[in-house]
Amino acid sequence: MADQHAEATAPHVHGEMNISEQAWTWALFLGLTKWVSLATAVVILFLTVWFGVGAGFFPAFIASVVVSVIGFFMLKTKKAH
């Protein structure tokens, strides 16, 4: 019984495990986190300017669009050379 367990588990050698799936999952998590954070900031800005400041719908919409465009260009992934 002990021999079967020893044969089934290979000894761990540091640095030989394929981590491509973990790397992809982490990159996806970071990407989703930054875009959801931008969307949350834009919604909070929109609602604050519209209701909190009382400036109205159109100033809130314009401020939200400006922050969205700036955030998009700041957060988009740079292409590797």
C-alpha atoms as a PDB file:
ATOM      1  CA  MET A   1       0.000   0.000   0.000  1.00  0.00           C
ATOM      2  CA  ALA A   2       2.786   2.433   0.870  1.00  0.00           C
ATOM      3  CA  ASP A   3       4.615   1.534  -2.350  1.00  0.00           C
ATOM      4  CA  GLN A   4       1.632   2.545  -4.494  1.00  0.00           C
ATOM      5  CA  HIS A   5       1.508   5.958  -2.871  1.00  0.00           C
ATOM      6  CA  ALA A   6       5.233   6.496  -3.355  1.00  0.00           C
ATOM      7  CA  GLU A   7       4.963   5.605  -7.047  1.00  0.00           C
ATOM      8  CA  ALA A   8       1.935   7.841  -7.635  1.00  0.00           C
ATOM      9  CA  THR A   9       3.560  10.985  -6.296  1.00  0.00           C
ATOM     10  CA  ALA A  10       6.727  12.159  -7.977  1.00  0.00           C
ATOM     11  CA  PRO A  11       9.196  14.168  -5.923  1.00  0.00           C
ATOM     12  CA  HIS A  12       8.717  17.908  -6.229  1.00  0.00           C
ATOM     13  CA  VAL A  13      11.461  19.717  -8.108  1.00  0.00           C
ATOM     14  CA  HIS A  14      11.339  23.502  -7.734  1.00  0.00           C
ATOM     15  CA  GLY A  15      10.830  25.354 -11.018  1.00  0.00           C
ATOM     16  CA  GLU A  16       9.651  22.461 -13.192  1.00  0.00           C
ATOM     17  CA  MET A  17       5.885  22.910 -12.853  1.00  0.00           C
ATOM     18  CA  ASN A  18       4.010  24.385 -15.796  1.00  0.00           C
ATOM     19  CA  ILE A  19       2.360  27.543 -14.474  1.00  0.00           C
ATOM     20  CA  SER A  20       0.899  28.888 -17.722  1.00  0.00           C
ATOM     21  CA  GLU A  21      -2.684  28.478 -16.491  1.00  0.00           C
ATOM     22  CA  GLN A  22      -1.935  30.221 -13.198  1.00  0.00           C
ATOM     23  CA  ALA A  23      -0.185  33.060 -15.051  1.00  0.00           C
ATOM     24  CA  TRP A  24      -3.143  33.430 -17.422  1.00  0.00           C
ATOM     25  CA  THR A  25      -5.618  33.440 -14.519  1.00  0.00           C
ATOM     26  CA  TRP A  26      -3.597  36.066 -12.639  1.00  0.00           C
ATOM     27  CA  ALA A  27      -3.366  38.277 -15.746  1.00  0.00           C
ATOM     28  CA  LEU A  28      -7.134  37.939 -16.255  1.00  0.00           C
ATOM     29  CA  PHE A  29      -7.789  38.814 -12.611  1.00  0.00           C
ATOM     30  CA  LEU A  30      -5.592  41.918 -12.801  1.00  0.00           C
ATOM     31  CA  GLY A  31      -7.195  43.005 -16.073  1.00  0.00           C
ATOM     32  CA  LEU A  32     -10.719  42.618 -14.751  1.00  0.00           C
ATOM     33  CA  THR A  33      -9.789  44.371 -11.515  1.00  0.00           C
ATOM     34  CA  LYS A  34      -8.452  47.469 -13.249  1.00  0.00           C
ATOM     35  CA  TRP A  35     -11.409  47.787 -15.648  1.00  0.00           C
ATOM     36  CA  VAL A  36     -14.034  47.212 -12.942  1.00  0.00           C
ATOM     37  CA  SER A  37     -12.244  49.786 -10.773  1.00  0.00           C
ATOM     38  CA  LEU A  38     -12.420  52.335 -13.601  1.00  0.00           C
ATOM     39  CA  ALA A  39     -16.118  51.598 -14.158  1.00  0.00           C
ATOM     40  CA  THR A  40     -16.830  51.963 -10.434  1.00  0.00           C
ATOM     41  CA  ALA A  41     -14.968  55.283 -10.288  1.00  0.00           C
ATOM     42  CA  VAL A  42     -16.888  56.596 -13.306  1.00  0.00           C
ATOM     43  CA  VAL A  43     -20.268  55.596 -11.835  1.00  0.00           C
ATOM     44  CA  ILE A  44     -19.416  57.183  -8.479  1.00  0.00           C
ATOM     45  CA  LEU A  45     -18.235  60.369 -10.224  1.00  0.00           C
ATOM     46  CA  PHE A  46     -21.383  60.494 -12.350  1.00  0.00           C
ATOM     47  CA  LEU A  47     -23.746  60.061  -9.402  1.00  0.00           C
ATOM     48  CA  THR A  48     -21.788  62.480  -7.201  1.00  0.00           C
ATOM     49  CA  VAL A  49     -21.760  65.267  -9.784  1.00  0.00           C
ATOM     50  CA  TRP A  50     -25.403  64.694 -10.705  1.00  0.00           C
ATOM     51  CA  PHE A  51     -26.919  64.355  -7.230  1.00  0.00           C
ATOM     52  CA  GLY A  52     -24.285  65.352  -4.669  1.00  0.00           C
ATOM     53  CA  VAL A  53     -23.125  68.546  -6.319  1.00  0.00           C
ATOM     54  CA  GLY A  54     -26.433  69.159  -8.034  1.00  0.00           C
ATOM     55  CA  ALA A  55     -24.843  70.210 -11.308  1.00  0.00           C
ATOM     56  CA  GLY A  56     -27.288  68.192 -13.390  1.00  0.00           C
ATOM     57  CA  PHE A  57     -27.199  65.294 -15.813  1.00  0.00           C
ATOM     58  CA  PHE A  58     -25.163  66.777 -18.645  1.00  0.00           C
ATOM     59  CA  PRO A  59     -22.202  68.045 -16.569  1.00  0.00           C
ATOM     60  CA  ALA A  60     -22.120  64.659 -14.802  1.00  0.00           C
ATOM     61  CA  PHE A  61     -22.196  62.867 -18.155  1.00  0.00           C
ATOM     62  CA  ILE A  62     -19.419  65.036 -19.592  1.00  0.00           C
ATOM     63  CA  ALA A  63     -17.203  64.549 -16.529  1.00  0.00           C
ATOM     64  CA  SER A  64     -17.799  60.794 -16.656  1.00  0.00           C
ATOM     65  CA  VAL A  65     -16.931  60.583 -20.338  1.00  0.00           C
ATOM     66  CA  VAL A  66     -13.726  62.581 -19.807  1.00  0.00           C
ATOM     67  CA  VAL A  67     -12.629  60.329 -16.929  1.00  0.00           C
ATOM     68  CA  SER A  68     -13.577  57.216 -18.938  1.00  0.00           C
ATOM     69  CA  VAL A  69     -11.492  58.264 -21.941  1.00  0.00           C
ATOM     70  CA  ILE A  70      -8.489  59.250 -19.821  1.00  0.00           C
ATOM     71  CA  GLY A  71      -8.796  56.042 -17.796  1.00  0.00           C
ATOM     72  CA  PHE A  72      -9.060  53.926 -20.937  1.00  0.00           C
ATOM     73  CA  PHE A  73      -5.827  55.285 -22.373  1.00  0.00           C
ATOM     74  CA  MET A  74      -4.051  55.023 -19.022  1.00  0.00           C
ATOM     75  CA  LEU A  75      -5.148  51.420 -18.367  1.00  0.00           C
ATOM     76  CA  LYS A  76      -4.975  49.812 -21.798  1.00  0.00           C
ATOM     77  CA  THR A  77      -2.342  47.130 -22.126  1.00  0.00           C
ATOM     78  CA  LYS A  78       0.829  48.157 -23.879  1.00  0.00           C
ATOM     79  CA  LYS A  79       1.861  45.872 -26.737  1.00  0.00           C
ATOM     80  CA  ALA A  80       5.091  43.971 -26.240  1.00  0.00           C
ATOM     81  CA  HIS A  81       7.797  44.647 -28.793  1.00  0.00           C
END
